Amino acid sequence: MSAAAESIGIGTLVLIFASVSIVIASIAMIRALRFIWSGQAGQTQRASRMVFASVRRVVITLAVLMVLGMAWRYWLDARLRGACSPRDQVTEYAPDGRYVAQYCYFRDTIILRLYSNDVTRLLAERTYRDTSGTLVSLTWTKDALIYPKGDNLETIGLPPSLYDRLAAQLP
């Protein structure tokens, strides 16, 4: 699918989502006003209950949208990591021979993988964006692998932490 067709599809999806959101918000507002004005007695209490319910709904909706956004982003990164084939990878070996680092370039995204010396066990993985245009230059020290991430230098501890090893097993 071309980039233009893909962007039109995403734009249409956003427009439909915005339209549905406006309709739902309008219906909710009409229901709230009918509930508040349903009788003379207790309008203040009904109004405060509706405000509380509305705030709760907004907070829950935002939380759900944030989780869906993070899941979407993770899914896109997982697809990108899956596309990193052996012919696209650049390999560097640690001076002591205990580790192997492989990285792939995808435009402004770089996938860095740290393996044990036999290249069968993935120990750590980093997917990051770097728009600086500089090539990856790995620096091996006794207790860390240092790589550039934009203008900063980031590290992967050697041996990798338990979190790094567990996260590397995820798709």
N, C-alpha and C. Protein backbone atom coordinates (compact mmCIF):
# COMPACT_ATOMS: atom_id res chain seq x y z
N MET A 1 0.85 -1.17 0.00
CA MET A 1 0.00 0.00 0.00
C MET A 1 0.89 1.23 0.00
N SER A 2 0.55 2.20 -0.84
CA SER A 2 1.37 3.41 -0.92
C SER A 2 1.17 4.27 0.31
N ALA A 3 2.12 5.17 0.52
CA ALA A 3 2.05 6.05 1.69
C ALA A 3 0.83 6.97 1.60
N ALA A 4 0.49 7.43 0.38
CA ALA A 4 -0.67 8.31 0.23
C ALA A 4 -1.96 7.58 0.57
N ALA A 5 -2.10 6.35 0.07
CA ALA A 5 -3.31 5.57 0.37
C ALA A 5 -3.40 5.26 1.85
N GLU A 6 -2.26 4.97 2.45
CA GLU A 6 -2.25 4.68 3.88
C GLU A 6 -2.64 5.91 4.69
N SER A 7 -2.14 7.08 4.30
CA SER A 7 -2.48 8.30 5.04
C SER A 7 -3.94 8.68 4.84
N ILE A 8 -4.50 8.44 3.66
CA ILE A 8 -5.92 8.70 3.44
C ILE A 8 -6.75 7.77 4.31
N GLY A 9 -6.35 6.52 4.42
CA GLY A 9 -7.07 5.58 5.28
C GLY A 9 -7.03 6.00 6.73
N ILE A 10 -5.89 6.44 7.21
CA ILE A 10 -5.77 6.88 8.59
C ILE A 10 -6.56 8.16 8.80
N GLY A 11 -6.51 9.09 7.85
CA GLY A 11 -7.29 10.32 7.95
C GLY A 11 -8.78 10.06 8.00
N THR A 12 -9.25 9.13 7.18
CA THR A 12 -10.66 8.77 7.19
C THR A 12 -11.05 8.15 8.52
N LEU A 13 -10.20 7.30 9.04
CA LEU A 13 -10.47 6.67 10.33
C LEU A 13 -10.55 7.72 11.44
N VAL A 14 -9.66 8.68 11.44
CA VAL A 14 -9.68 9.75 12.45
C VAL A 14 -10.95 10.59 12.31
N LEU A 15 -11.35 10.90 11.08
CA LEU A 15 -12.57 11.68 10.86
C LEU A 15 -13.80 10.93 11.35
N ILE A 16 -13.89 9.65 11.07
CA ILE A 16 -15.02 8.85 11.55
C ILE A 16 -15.02 8.80 13.07
N PHE A 17 -13.86 8.60 13.68
CA PHE A 17 -13.76 8.56 15.14
C PHE A 17 -14.20 9.89 15.75
N ALA A 18 -13.77 11.00 15.16
CA ALA A 18 -14.16 12.32 15.68
C ALA A 18 -15.67 12.53 15.54
N SER A 19 -16.25 12.12 14.42
CA SER A 19 -17.69 12.28 14.22
C SER A 19 -18.48 11.46 15.23
N VAL A 20 -18.09 10.22 15.43
CA VAL A 20 -18.78 9.37 16.40
C VAL A 20 -18.63 9.93 17.80
N SER A 21 -17.46 10.45 18.12
CA SER A 21 -17.24 11.05 19.45
C SER A 21 -18.15 12.25 19.67
N ILE A 22 -18.33 13.09 18.67
CA ILE A 22 -19.21 14.25 18.79
C ILE A 22 -20.65 13.82 18.99
N VAL A 23 -21.09 12.81 18.25
CA VAL A 23 -22.46 12.31 18.42
C VAL A 23 -22.67 11.75 19.82
N ILE A 24 -21.72 10.96 20.30
CA ILE A 24 -21.84 10.38 21.64
C ILE A 24 -21.84 11.47 22.70
N ALA A 25 -20.97 12.46 22.56
CA ALA A 25 -20.93 13.56 23.52
C ALA A 25 -22.23 14.36 23.51
N SER A 26 -22.81 14.58 22.34
CA SER A 26 -24.08 15.31 22.25
C SER A 26 -25.21 14.54 22.92
N ILE A 27 -25.29 13.25 22.68
CA ILE A 27 -26.32 12.43 23.32
C ILE A 27 -26.15 12.43 24.82
N ALA A 28 -24.91 12.31 25.28
CA ALA A 28 -24.66 12.32 26.73
C ALA A 28 -25.04 13.66 27.34
N MET A 29 -24.77 14.76 26.64
CA MET A 29 -25.13 16.09 27.16
C MET A 29 -26.64 16.25 27.24
N ILE A 30 -27.36 15.81 26.23
CA ILE A 30 -28.83 15.91 26.25
C ILE A 30 -29.40 15.07 27.39
N ARG A 31 -28.90 13.86 27.56
CA ARG A 31 -29.38 13.01 28.66
C ARG A 31 -29.10 13.65 30.01
N ALA A 32 -27.91 14.24 30.16
CA ALA A 32 -27.55 14.87 31.43
C ALA A 32 -28.47 16.05 31.73
N LEU A 33 -28.73 16.88 30.73
CA LEU A 33 -29.61 18.03 30.95
C LEU A 33 -31.04 17.59 31.26
N ARG A 34 -31.54 16.57 30.58
CA ARG A 34 -32.88 16.06 30.89
C ARG A 34 -32.94 15.52 32.31
N PHE A 35 -31.88 14.84 32.75
CA PHE A 35 -31.85 14.30 34.11
C PHE A 35 -31.83 15.43 35.14
N ILE A 36 -31.02 16.44 34.88
CA ILE A 36 -30.92 17.55 35.84
C ILE A 36 -32.23 18.32 35.93
N TRP A 37 -32.90 18.57 34.80
CA TRP A 37 -34.11 19.38 34.79
C TRP A 37 -35.39 18.54 34.92
N SER A 38 -35.26 17.29 35.32
CA SER A 38 -36.43 16.41 35.40
C SER A 38 -37.40 16.80 36.50
N GLY A 39 -37.00 17.55 37.46
CA GLY A 39 -37.90 17.99 38.53
C GLY A 39 -37.33 19.21 39.22
N GLN A 40 -38.18 19.88 39.98
CA GLN A 40 -37.74 21.09 40.67
C GLN A 40 -36.86 20.77 41.87
N ALA A 41 -37.25 19.80 42.64
CA ALA A 41 -36.51 19.48 43.87
C ALA A 41 -35.25 18.70 43.54
N GLY A 42 -34.15 19.06 44.16
CA GLY A 42 -32.91 18.30 44.05
C GLY A 42 -32.10 18.54 42.79
N GLN A 43 -32.30 19.66 42.12
CA GLN A 43 -31.53 19.91 40.89
C GLN A 43 -30.04 20.02 41.17
N THR A 44 -29.68 20.62 42.28
CA THR A 44 -28.26 20.79 42.62
C THR A 44 -27.59 19.43 42.85
N GLN A 45 -28.28 18.54 43.57
CA GLN A 45 -27.71 17.22 43.82
C GLN A 45 -27.59 16.43 42.51
N ARG A 46 -28.62 16.52 41.67
CA ARG A 46 -28.56 15.81 40.38
C ARG A 46 -27.43 16.37 39.51
N ALA A 47 -27.27 17.68 39.53
CA ALA A 47 -26.20 18.29 38.74
C ALA A 47 -24.83 17.85 39.23
N SER A 48 -24.64 17.81 40.55
CA SER A 48 -23.34 17.38 41.08
C SER A 48 -23.09 15.91 40.78
N ARG A 49 -24.13 15.07 40.82
CA ARG A 49 -23.96 13.66 40.46
C ARG A 49 -23.57 13.52 38.99
N MET A 50 -24.19 14.33 38.13
CA MET A 50 -23.87 14.25 36.71
C MET A 50 -22.44 14.74 36.43
N VAL A 51 -22.02 15.78 37.14
CA VAL A 51 -20.64 16.26 36.97
C VAL A 51 -19.66 15.17 37.39
N PHE A 52 -19.92 14.54 38.53
CA PHE A 52 -19.04 13.47 39.00
C PHE A 52 -19.01 12.31 38.00
N ALA A 53 -20.18 11.91 37.49
CA ALA A 53 -20.25 10.82 36.52
C ALA A 53 -19.53 11.20 35.23
N SER A 54 -19.69 12.44 34.79
CA SER A 54 -19.04 12.88 33.55
C SER A 54 -17.52 12.90 33.70
N VAL A 55 -17.04 13.41 34.82
CA VAL A 55 -15.59 13.43 35.05
C VAL A 55 -15.05 12.01 35.09
N ARG A 56 -15.75 11.12 35.76
CA ARG A 56 -15.32 9.72 35.83
C ARG A 56 -15.26 9.10 34.43
N ARG A 57 -16.27 9.36 33.61
CA ARG A 57 -16.28 8.82 32.24
C ARG A 57 -15.13 9.37 31.41
N VAL A 58 -14.86 10.65 31.55
CA VAL A 58 -13.76 11.26 30.79
C VAL A 58 -12.42 10.66 31.21
N VAL A 59 -12.21 10.50 32.51
CA VAL A 59 -10.95 9.93 33.00
C VAL A 59 -10.79 8.49 32.51
N ILE A 60 -11.85 7.70 32.59
CA ILE A 60 -11.78 6.30 32.13
C ILE A 60 -11.53 6.25 30.63
N THR A 61 -12.20 7.11 29.87
CA THR A 61 -12.00 7.14 28.42
C THR A 61 -10.56 7.51 28.07
N LEU A 62 -10.02 8.52 28.74
CA LEU A 62 -8.63 8.91 28.47
C LEU A 62 -7.66 7.79 28.83
N ALA A 63 -7.91 7.10 29.95
CA ALA A 63 -7.04 5.99 30.34
C ALA A 63 -7.08 4.87 29.30
N VAL A 64 -8.28 4.55 28.83
CA VAL A 64 -8.42 3.50 27.81
C VAL A 64 -7.72 3.91 26.52
N LEU A 65 -7.89 5.17 26.11
CA LEU A 65 -7.23 5.65 24.89
C LEU A 65 -5.71 5.63 25.02
N MET A 66 -5.20 5.95 26.21
CA MET A 66 -3.75 5.89 26.42
C MET A 66 -3.24 4.46 26.31
N VAL A 67 -3.96 3.52 26.91
CA VAL A 67 -3.54 2.11 26.84
C VAL A 67 -3.60 1.62 25.40
N LEU A 68 -4.67 1.98 24.68
CA LEU A 68 -4.77 1.58 23.27
C LEU A 68 -3.65 2.21 22.44
N GLY A 69 -3.31 3.46 22.71
CA GLY A 69 -2.21 4.11 21.99
C GLY A 69 -0.88 3.43 22.25
N MET A 70 -0.62 3.06 23.51
CA MET A 70 0.63 2.37 23.82
C MET A 70 0.66 0.99 23.18
N ALA A 71 -0.48 0.29 23.16
CA ALA A 71 -0.54 -1.03 22.52
C ALA A 71 -0.32 -0.90 21.02
N TRP A 72 -0.90 0.12 20.41
CA TRP A 72 -0.72 0.36 18.97
C TRP A 72 0.75 0.62 18.66
N ARG A 73 1.37 1.47 19.46
CA ARG A 73 2.78 1.80 19.25
C ARG A 73 3.67 0.56 19.42
N TYR A 74 3.37 -0.25 20.43
CA TYR A 74 4.13 -1.47 20.64
C TYR A 74 3.96 -2.41 19.46
N TRP A 75 2.73 -2.53 18.94
CA TRP A 75 2.46 -3.40 17.81
C TRP A 75 3.25 -2.94 16.58
N LEU A 76 3.27 -1.61 16.34
CA LEU A 76 4.04 -1.11 15.20
C LEU A 76 5.53 -1.40 15.37
N ASP A 77 6.06 -1.20 16.57
CA ASP A 77 7.47 -1.50 16.83
C ASP A 77 7.76 -2.99 16.69
N ALA A 78 6.83 -3.84 17.13
CA ALA A 78 7.02 -5.29 17.00
C ALA A 78 7.05 -5.69 15.53
N ARG A 79 6.19 -5.10 14.72
CA ARG A 79 6.22 -5.39 13.28
C ARG A 79 7.55 -4.96 12.67
N LEU A 80 8.06 -3.81 13.10
CA LEU A 80 9.34 -3.32 12.59
C LEU A 80 10.48 -4.24 13.02
N ARG A 81 10.45 -4.67 14.29
CA ARG A 81 11.51 -5.58 14.77
C ARG A 81 11.47 -6.90 14.00
N GLY A 82 10.28 -7.35 13.64
CA GLY A 82 10.16 -8.59 12.88
C GLY A 82 10.69 -8.46 11.46
N ALA A 83 10.73 -7.25 10.93
CA ALA A 83 11.20 -7.03 9.56
C ALA A 83 12.71 -6.94 9.47
N CYS A 84 13.40 -6.95 10.59
CA CYS A 84 14.86 -6.84 10.61
C CYS A 84 15.46 -8.21 10.28
N SER A 85 15.73 -8.44 9.01
CA SER A 85 16.24 -9.74 8.57
C SER A 85 17.76 -9.78 8.68
N PRO A 86 18.35 -10.97 8.65
CA PRO A 86 19.81 -11.10 8.78
C PRO A 86 20.59 -10.33 7.71
N ARG A 87 20.05 -10.19 6.51
CA ARG A 87 20.79 -9.46 5.47
C ARG A 87 20.80 -7.95 5.71
N ASP A 88 19.87 -7.45 6.56
CA ASP A 88 19.82 -6.02 6.88
C ASP A 88 20.67 -5.67 8.09
N GLN A 89 21.20 -6.65 8.79
CA GLN A 89 21.87 -6.42 10.06
C GLN A 89 23.36 -6.16 9.89
N VAL A 90 23.86 -5.29 10.74
CA VAL A 90 25.30 -5.05 10.86
C VAL A 90 25.72 -5.69 12.17
N THR A 91 26.79 -6.45 12.16
CA THR A 91 27.21 -7.20 13.35
C THR A 91 28.53 -6.66 13.87
N GLU A 92 28.59 -6.51 15.20
CA GLU A 92 29.84 -6.12 15.87
C GLU A 92 30.05 -7.07 17.04
N TYR A 93 31.31 -7.45 17.26
CA TYR A 93 31.65 -8.39 18.32
C TYR A 93 32.33 -7.65 19.47
N ALA A 94 32.02 -8.07 20.68
CA ALA A 94 32.68 -7.50 21.86
C ALA A 94 34.15 -7.90 21.84
N PRO A 95 35.03 -7.04 22.33
CA PRO A 95 36.46 -7.37 22.33
C PRO A 95 36.79 -8.64 23.10
N ASP A 96 36.05 -8.91 24.17
CA ASP A 96 36.33 -10.13 24.95
C ASP A 96 35.62 -11.36 24.39
N GLY A 97 34.78 -11.19 23.36
CA GLY A 97 34.12 -12.31 22.71
C GLY A 97 32.90 -12.85 23.42
N ARG A 98 32.46 -12.22 24.51
CA ARG A 98 31.30 -12.74 25.25
C ARG A 98 29.97 -12.34 24.62
N TYR A 99 29.94 -11.24 23.88
CA TYR A 99 28.68 -10.72 23.35
C TYR A 99 28.82 -10.36 21.88
N VAL A 100 27.66 -10.33 21.21
CA VAL A 100 27.57 -9.91 19.82
C VAL A 100 26.43 -8.89 19.73
N ALA A 101 26.68 -7.78 19.07
CA ALA A 101 25.64 -6.76 18.86
C ALA A 101 25.29 -6.72 17.38
N GLN A 102 24.00 -6.68 17.10
CA GLN A 102 23.53 -6.54 15.72
C GLN A 102 22.55 -5.38 15.68
N TYR A 103 22.62 -4.59 14.62
CA TYR A 103 21.67 -3.48 14.50
C TYR A 103 21.22 -3.34 13.06
N CYS A 104 19.99 -2.82 12.92
CA CYS A 104 19.36 -2.57 11.62
C CYS A 104 18.94 -1.11 11.55
N TYR A 105 18.99 -0.56 10.35
CA TYR A 105 18.50 0.79 10.10
C TYR A 105 17.17 0.70 9.34
N PHE A 106 16.18 1.43 9.79
CA PHE A 106 14.93 1.62 9.07
C PHE A 106 14.62 3.11 9.09
N ARG A 107 15.09 3.82 8.07
CA ARG A 107 14.96 5.28 7.99
C ARG A 107 15.49 5.92 9.27
N ASP A 108 14.58 6.44 10.11
CA ASP A 108 15.04 7.10 11.34
C ASP A 108 14.92 6.19 12.57
N THR A 109 14.65 4.92 12.37
CA THR A 109 14.51 3.98 13.47
C THR A 109 15.67 2.99 13.44
N ILE A 110 16.23 2.72 14.60
CA ILE A 110 17.34 1.78 14.72
C ILE A 110 16.95 0.70 15.70
N ILE A 111 17.21 -0.54 15.33
CA ILE A 111 16.96 -1.68 16.20
C ILE A 111 18.32 -2.25 16.58
N LEU A 112 18.61 -2.26 17.87
CA LEU A 112 19.88 -2.76 18.39
C LEU A 112 19.59 -3.99 19.23
N ARG A 113 20.27 -5.09 18.90
CA ARG A 113 20.09 -6.34 19.62
C ARG A 113 21.43 -6.81 20.17
N LEU A 114 21.40 -7.27 21.41
CA LEU A 114 22.59 -7.80 22.07
C LEU A 114 22.38 -9.29 22.30
N TYR A 115 23.30 -10.09 21.78
CA TYR A 115 23.21 -11.55 21.89
C TYR A 115 24.38 -12.07 22.73
N SER A 116 24.21 -13.32 23.19
CA SER A 116 25.36 -14.01 23.78
C SER A 116 26.32 -14.34 22.63
N ASN A 117 27.49 -14.83 22.94
CA ASN A 117 28.52 -15.00 21.91
C ASN A 117 28.15 -16.01 20.82
N ASP A 118 27.18 -16.88 21.07
CA ASP A 118 26.81 -17.85 20.04
C ASP A 118 25.64 -17.36 19.17
N VAL A 119 25.17 -16.15 19.34
CA VAL A 119 24.13 -15.49 18.56
C VAL A 119 22.82 -16.29 18.54
N THR A 120 22.58 -17.08 19.56
CA THR A 120 21.32 -17.82 19.62
C THR A 120 20.40 -17.28 20.70
N ARG A 121 20.97 -16.66 21.72
CA ARG A 121 20.15 -16.17 22.83
C ARG A 121 20.15 -14.65 22.85
N LEU A 122 18.98 -14.06 22.60
CA LEU A 122 18.83 -12.61 22.65
C LEU A 122 18.81 -12.17 24.10
N LEU A 123 19.71 -11.25 24.44
CA LEU A 123 19.84 -10.80 25.83
C LEU A 123 19.19 -9.44 26.07
N ALA A 124 19.26 -8.55 25.10
CA ALA A 124 18.67 -7.21 25.25
C ALA A 124 18.36 -6.66 23.86
N GLU A 125 17.39 -5.77 23.83
CA GLU A 125 17.00 -5.18 22.56
C GLU A 125 16.55 -3.74 22.79
N ARG A 126 16.92 -2.86 21.88
CA ARG A 126 16.50 -1.47 21.94
C ARG A 126 15.98 -1.07 20.56
N THR A 127 14.82 -0.44 20.54
CA THR A 127 14.27 0.16 19.33
C THR A 127 14.15 1.64 19.62
N TYR A 128 14.84 2.46 18.85
CA TYR A 128 14.80 3.89 19.14
C TYR A 128 14.85 4.70 17.85
N ARG A 129 14.38 5.92 17.94
CA ARG A 129 14.39 6.83 16.81
C ARG A 129 15.61 7.74 16.91
N ASP A 130 16.26 7.93 15.78
CA ASP A 130 17.43 8.80 15.73
C ASP A 130 17.40 9.55 14.40
N THR A 131 17.06 10.81 14.45
CA THR A 131 16.97 11.61 13.24
C THR A 131 18.24 12.40 12.96
N SER A 132 19.29 12.15 13.72
CA SER A 132 20.53 12.90 13.53
C SER A 132 21.25 12.51 12.24
N GLY A 133 20.99 11.33 11.73
CA GLY A 133 21.63 10.90 10.49
C GLY A 133 23.02 10.32 10.69
N THR A 134 23.50 10.26 11.92
CA THR A 134 24.82 9.69 12.17
C THR A 134 24.71 8.17 12.24
N LEU A 135 25.75 7.51 11.82
CA LEU A 135 25.76 6.05 11.87
C LEU A 135 25.95 5.57 13.30
N VAL A 136 25.45 4.38 13.56
CA VAL A 136 25.61 3.79 14.89
C VAL A 136 27.08 3.47 15.11
N SER A 137 27.59 3.90 16.23
CA SER A 137 28.97 3.63 16.60
C SER A 137 28.95 3.04 18.01
N LEU A 138 29.15 1.74 18.10
CA LEU A 138 29.10 1.07 19.39
C LEU A 138 30.45 1.14 20.08
N THR A 139 30.40 1.33 21.39
CA THR A 139 31.60 1.33 22.20
C THR A 139 31.44 0.28 23.28
N TRP A 140 32.36 -0.65 23.32
CA TRP A 140 32.32 -1.72 24.31
C TRP A 140 33.23 -1.36 25.47
N THR A 141 32.70 -1.43 26.68
CA THR A 141 33.52 -1.31 27.88
C THR A 141 33.39 -2.63 28.64
N LYS A 142 34.09 -2.72 29.75
CA LYS A 142 34.06 -3.96 30.52
C LYS A 142 32.66 -4.28 31.04
N ASP A 143 31.89 -3.24 31.40
CA ASP A 143 30.58 -3.49 32.01
C ASP A 143 29.42 -2.82 31.29
N ALA A 144 29.60 -2.36 30.04
CA ALA A 144 28.49 -1.72 29.33
C ALA A 144 28.74 -1.69 27.82
N LEU A 145 27.64 -1.66 27.09
CA LEU A 145 27.65 -1.40 25.65
C LEU A 145 27.07 0.00 25.49
N ILE A 146 27.84 0.89 24.89
CA ILE A 146 27.42 2.29 24.76
C ILE A 146 27.08 2.54 23.29
N TYR A 147 25.90 3.14 23.07
CA TYR A 147 25.45 3.43 21.72
C TYR A 147 24.87 4.85 21.67
N PRO A 148 24.97 5.52 20.51
CA PRO A 148 24.43 6.88 20.42
C PRO A 148 22.93 6.86 20.17
N LYS A 149 22.22 7.73 20.86
CA LYS A 149 20.78 7.92 20.66
C LYS A 149 20.57 9.41 20.50
N GLY A 150 20.65 9.88 19.25
CA GLY A 150 20.61 11.31 19.01
C GLY A 150 21.90 11.95 19.48
N ASP A 151 21.78 12.96 20.31
CA ASP A 151 22.97 13.63 20.85
C ASP A 151 23.46 13.01 22.14
N ASN A 152 22.71 12.06 22.68
CA ASN A 152 23.07 11.43 23.96
C ASN A 152 23.70 10.06 23.73
N LEU A 153 24.39 9.59 24.74
CA LEU A 153 24.92 8.23 24.73
C LEU A 153 24.13 7.41 25.72
N GLU A 154 23.59 6.29 25.27
CA GLU A 154 22.82 5.39 26.11
C GLU A 154 23.65 4.13 26.34
N THR A 155 23.31 3.36 27.38
CA THR A 155 24.08 2.16 27.69
C THR A 155 23.16 0.97 27.91
N ILE A 156 23.72 -0.18 27.66
CA ILE A 156 23.14 -1.46 28.07
C ILE A 156 24.18 -2.10 28.98
N GLY A 157 23.80 -2.37 30.20
CA GLY A 157 24.75 -2.96 31.14
C GLY A 157 25.14 -4.37 30.72
N LEU A 158 26.38 -4.73 30.98
CA LEU A 158 26.88 -6.07 30.69
C LEU A 158 27.24 -6.75 32.00
N PRO A 159 26.70 -7.86 32.33
CA PRO A 159 25.62 -8.55 31.63
C PRO A 159 24.31 -7.78 31.75
N PRO A 160 23.41 -7.96 30.79
CA PRO A 160 22.13 -7.24 30.81
C PRO A 160 21.31 -7.57 32.06
N SER A 161 20.52 -6.60 32.48
CA SER A 161 19.69 -6.79 33.67
C SER A 161 18.59 -7.81 33.40
N LEU A 162 17.96 -8.27 34.46
CA LEU A 162 16.85 -9.22 34.34
C LEU A 162 15.73 -8.60 33.51
N TYR A 163 15.46 -7.33 33.72
CA TYR A 163 14.42 -6.64 32.94
C TYR A 163 14.75 -6.68 31.45
N ASP A 164 15.99 -6.39 31.08
CA ASP A 164 16.40 -6.43 29.67
C ASP A 164 16.23 -7.82 29.08
N ARG A 165 16.62 -8.83 29.83
CA ARG A 165 16.51 -10.21 29.33
C ARG A 165 15.06 -10.62 29.16
N LEU A 166 14.19 -10.24 30.10
CA LEU A 166 12.77 -10.59 29.99
C LEU A 166 12.09 -9.80 28.87
N ALA A 167 12.39 -8.51 28.77
CA ALA A 167 11.79 -7.68 27.72
C ALA A 167 12.23 -8.14 26.33
N ALA A 168 13.42 -8.68 26.21
CA ALA A 168 13.91 -9.15 24.92
C ALA A 168 13.15 -10.38 24.44
N GLN A 169 12.50 -11.09 25.34
CA GLN A 169 11.75 -12.28 24.95
C GLN A 169 10.36 -11.95 24.40
N LEU A 170 9.89 -10.71 24.61
CA LEU A 170 8.59 -10.30 24.08
C LEU A 170 8.69 -10.10 22.58
N PRO A 171 7.57 -10.23 21.87
CA PRO A 171 7.62 -10.03 20.41
C PRO A 171 7.93 -8.59 20.05
